[in-house]
Amino acid sequence: MGMTIVLNDAPYGNERAYTALRLADAMLTLDEHLDLTVCLLGDAVWCAKQGQQTPEGFYNIGRMLRPVLRRGLVLVCETCMAARGLQTQDLIEGCRQARLGEVGMMVLDAEKVLTF
């Protein structure tokens, strides 16, 4: 099954990204054939920023992307990155900069879409 998860909020400050990525990990564990794409828009592009340092015992969104990157795709909005001064070299390895049209195609092609 093809699924797309769209994240809009920053990685820290609320638990939307945390919840979405926990759910993504659980779904990947439950369905070995799941075709998963996570799209990062708006402030969610910060989820893909390499070098995140969080207090010990606190979740790290960068690390939480790893299961998705192993089996799925993480697309980071090019326009949203530019608006926040992020460059391609700032992204966690495996995350891919994408234009909104590509993100739109993932949404149109997905059997299910979740938005956080």
C-alpha atoms as a PDB file:
ATOM      1  CA  MET A   1       0.000   0.000   0.000  1.00  0.00           C
ATOM      2  CA  GLY A   2       1.191   3.529  -0.728  1.00  0.00           C
ATOM      3  CA  MET A   3       0.963   6.070   2.071  1.00  0.00           C
ATOM      4  CA  THR A   4       2.082   9.675   2.335  1.00  0.00           C
ATOM      5  CA  ILE A   5       2.487  11.533   5.614  1.00  0.00           C
ATOM      6  CA  VAL A   6       2.635  15.325   5.391  1.00  0.00           C
ATOM      7  CA  LEU A   7       4.228  17.209   8.295  1.00  0.00           C
ATOM      8  CA  ASN A   8       3.808  20.979   8.656  1.00  0.00           C
ATOM      9  CA  ASP A   9       5.061  21.854  12.138  1.00  0.00           C
ATOM     10  CA  ALA A  10       8.525  22.352  13.593  1.00  0.00           C
ATOM     11  CA  PRO A  11      10.161  19.287  15.145  1.00  0.00           C
ATOM     12  CA  TYR A  12      10.022  20.630  18.687  1.00  0.00           C
ATOM     13  CA  GLY A  13       7.522  22.767  20.584  1.00  0.00           C
ATOM     14  CA  ASN A  14       4.591  20.417  20.105  1.00  0.00           C
ATOM     15  CA  GLU A  15       4.336  16.672  19.558  1.00  0.00           C
ATOM     16  CA  ARG A  16       2.969  16.501  15.993  1.00  0.00           C
ATOM     17  CA  ALA A  17       6.250  15.499  14.327  1.00  0.00           C
ATOM     18  CA  TYR A  18       7.045  13.124  17.204  1.00  0.00           C
ATOM     19  CA  THR A  19       3.639  11.457  16.935  1.00  0.00           C
ATOM     20  CA  ALA A  20       3.742  11.254  13.140  1.00  0.00           C
ATOM     21  CA  LEU A  21       7.179   9.626  13.121  1.00  0.00           C
ATOM     22  CA  ARG A  22       6.269   7.187  15.906  1.00  0.00           C
ATOM     23  CA  LEU A  23       3.234   6.207  13.861  1.00  0.00           C
ATOM     24  CA  ALA A  24       5.358   5.884  10.708  1.00  0.00           C
ATOM     25  CA  ASP A  25       7.784   3.583  12.521  1.00  0.00           C
ATOM     26  CA  ALA A  26       4.930   1.464  13.862  1.00  0.00           C
ATOM     27  CA  MET A  27       3.332   1.148  10.417  1.00  0.00           C
ATOM     28  CA  LEU A  28       6.647   0.166   8.827  1.00  0.00           C
ATOM     29  CA  THR A  29       7.021  -2.514  11.502  1.00  0.00           C
ATOM     30  CA  LEU A  30       3.476  -3.821  10.984  1.00  0.00           C
ATOM     31  CA  ASP A  31       3.490  -3.851   7.169  1.00  0.00           C
ATOM     32  CA  GLU A  32       6.701  -4.993   5.500  1.00  0.00           C
ATOM     33  CA  HIS A  33       5.319  -3.976   2.092  1.00  0.00           C
ATOM     34  CA  LEU A  34       4.295  -0.444   3.051  1.00  0.00           C
ATOM     35  CA  ASP A  35       5.428   2.157   0.510  1.00  0.00           C
ATOM     36  CA  LEU A  36       5.841   5.227   2.738  1.00  0.00           C
ATOM     37  CA  THR A  37       6.728   8.811   1.884  1.00  0.00           C
ATOM     38  CA  VAL A  38       7.103  11.544   4.489  1.00  0.00           C
ATOM     39  CA  CYS A  39       6.834  15.079   3.115  1.00  0.00           C
ATOM     40  CA  LEU A  40       8.176  17.969   5.195  1.00  0.00           C
ATOM     41  CA  LEU A  41       6.556  21.341   4.508  1.00  0.00           C
ATOM     42  CA  GLY A  42       6.719  24.701   6.268  1.00  0.00           C
ATOM     43  CA  ASP A  43       8.553  24.601   9.586  1.00  0.00           C
ATOM     44  CA  ALA A  44       8.682  20.803   9.361  1.00  0.00           C
ATOM     45  CA  VAL A  45      11.714  21.161   7.080  1.00  0.00           C
ATOM     46  CA  TRP A  46      13.678  21.609  10.330  1.00  0.00           C
ATOM     47  CA  CYS A  47      12.936  17.929  11.075  1.00  0.00           C
ATOM     48  CA  ALA A  48      15.488  17.027   8.387  1.00  0.00           C
ATOM     49  CA  LYS A  49      18.245  19.322   9.710  1.00  0.00           C
ATOM     50  CA  GLN A  50      21.372  17.348  10.487  1.00  0.00           C
ATOM     51  CA  GLY A  51      23.188  17.774  13.786  1.00  0.00           C
ATOM     52  CA  GLN A  52      20.144  18.085  16.053  1.00  0.00           C
ATOM     53  CA  GLN A  53      21.219  17.961  19.686  1.00  0.00           C
ATOM     54  CA  THR A  54      18.579  17.295  22.301  1.00  0.00           C
ATOM     55  CA  PRO A  55      18.892  16.792  26.059  1.00  0.00           C
ATOM     56  CA  GLU A  56      19.612  13.249  27.211  1.00  0.00           C
ATOM     57  CA  GLY A  57      16.378  11.306  27.516  1.00  0.00           C
ATOM     58  CA  PHE A  58      14.523  13.667  25.136  1.00  0.00           C
ATOM     59  CA  TYR A  59      13.415  12.431  21.725  1.00  0.00           C
ATOM     60  CA  ASN A  60      15.447  13.443  18.667  1.00  0.00           C
ATOM     61  CA  ILE A  61      13.414  13.936  15.496  1.00  0.00           C
ATOM     62  CA  GLY A  62      16.489  13.526  13.275  1.00  0.00           C
ATOM     63  CA  ARG A  63      17.056  10.039  14.681  1.00  0.00           C
ATOM     64  CA  MET A  64      13.344   9.276  14.369  1.00  0.00           C
ATOM     65  CA  LEU A  65      13.611   9.751  10.588  1.00  0.00           C
ATOM     66  CA  ARG A  66      16.006   6.786  10.292  1.00  0.00           C
ATOM     67  CA  PRO A  67      13.373   4.011  10.020  1.00  0.00           C
ATOM     68  CA  VAL A  68      11.583   5.962   7.301  1.00  0.00           C
ATOM     69  CA  LEU A  69      14.855   6.567   5.446  1.00  0.00           C
ATOM     70  CA  ARG A  70      15.709   2.852   5.580  1.00  0.00           C
ATOM     71  CA  ARG A  71      12.492   1.781   3.883  1.00  0.00           C
ATOM     72  CA  GLY A  72      10.807   4.885   2.554  1.00  0.00           C
ATOM     73  CA  LEU A  73      11.324   8.368   1.267  1.00  0.00           C
ATOM     74  CA  VAL A  74      11.657  11.733   3.028  1.00  0.00           C
ATOM     75  CA  LEU A  75      10.983  14.728   0.795  1.00  0.00           C
ATOM     76  CA  VAL A  76      11.805  18.243   2.016  1.00  0.00           C
ATOM     77  CA  CYS A  77      10.085  21.206   0.337  1.00  0.00           C
ATOM     78  CA  GLU A  78      12.614  23.251  -1.632  1.00  0.00           C
ATOM     79  CA  THR A  79      10.702  26.543  -1.292  1.00  0.00           C
ATOM     80  CA  CYS A  80      10.185  26.043   2.448  1.00  0.00           C
ATOM     81  CA  MET A  81      13.899  25.310   2.859  1.00  0.00           C
ATOM     82  CA  ALA A  82      14.879  28.459   0.973  1.00  0.00           C
ATOM     83  CA  ALA A  83      12.523  30.588   3.085  1.00  0.00           C
ATOM     84  CA  ARG A  84      14.304  29.328   6.208  1.00  0.00           C
ATOM     85  CA  GLY A  85      17.856  29.562   4.884  1.00  0.00           C
ATOM     86  CA  LEU A  86      18.386  25.781   4.738  1.00  0.00           C
ATOM     87  CA  GLN A  87      20.663  24.345   2.085  1.00  0.00           C
ATOM     88  CA  THR A  88      20.755  20.813   0.674  1.00  0.00           C
ATOM     89  CA  GLN A  89      24.000  20.146   2.581  1.00  0.00           C
ATOM     90  CA  ASP A  90      22.130  20.942   5.841  1.00  0.00           C
ATOM     91  CA  LEU A  91      19.867  17.916   5.420  1.00  0.00           C
ATOM     92  CA  ILE A  92      20.239  14.558   7.122  1.00  0.00           C
ATOM     93  CA  GLU A  93      21.741  12.053   4.697  1.00  0.00           C
ATOM     94  CA  GLY A  94      18.994  10.376   2.686  1.00  0.00           C
ATOM     95  CA  CYS A  95      16.490  13.223   2.945  1.00  0.00           C
ATOM     96  CA  ARG A  96      15.798  14.700  -0.460  1.00  0.00           C
ATOM     97  CA  GLN A  97      14.941  18.250  -1.452  1.00  0.00           C
ATOM     98  CA  ALA A  98      11.815  18.313  -3.643  1.00  0.00           C
ATOM     99  CA  ARG A  99       9.629  20.818  -5.421  1.00  0.00           C
ATOM    100  CA  LEU A 100       6.029  21.171  -4.356  1.00  0.00           C
ATOM    101  CA  GLY A 101       4.882  19.510  -7.595  1.00  0.00           C
ATOM    102  CA  GLU A 102       6.702  16.307  -6.648  1.00  0.00           C
ATOM    103  CA  VAL A 103       5.139  16.413  -3.192  1.00  0.00           C
ATOM    104  CA  GLY A 104       1.769  16.938  -4.856  1.00  0.00           C
ATOM    105  CA  MET A 105       2.291  13.874  -7.047  1.00  0.00           C
ATOM    106  CA  MET A 106       3.086  11.770  -3.964  1.00  0.00           C
ATOM    107  CA  VAL A 107      -0.175  12.911  -2.397  1.00  0.00           C
ATOM    108  CA  LEU A 108      -2.168  12.200  -5.568  1.00  0.00           C
ATOM    109  CA  ASP A 109      -0.586   8.771  -6.034  1.00  0.00           C
ATOM    110  CA  ALA A 110      -0.946   7.657  -2.407  1.00  0.00           C
ATOM    111  CA  GLU A 111      -3.766   5.369  -1.367  1.00  0.00           C
ATOM    112  CA  LYS A 112      -3.825   7.073   2.033  1.00  0.00           C
ATOM    113  CA  VAL A 113      -2.598  10.496   3.172  1.00  0.00           C
ATOM    114  CA  LEU A 114      -2.106  11.599   6.775  1.00  0.00           C
ATOM    115  CA  THR A 115      -1.459  15.221   7.691  1.00  0.00           C
ATOM    116  CA  PHE A 116       0.113  16.451  10.907  1.00  0.00           C
END
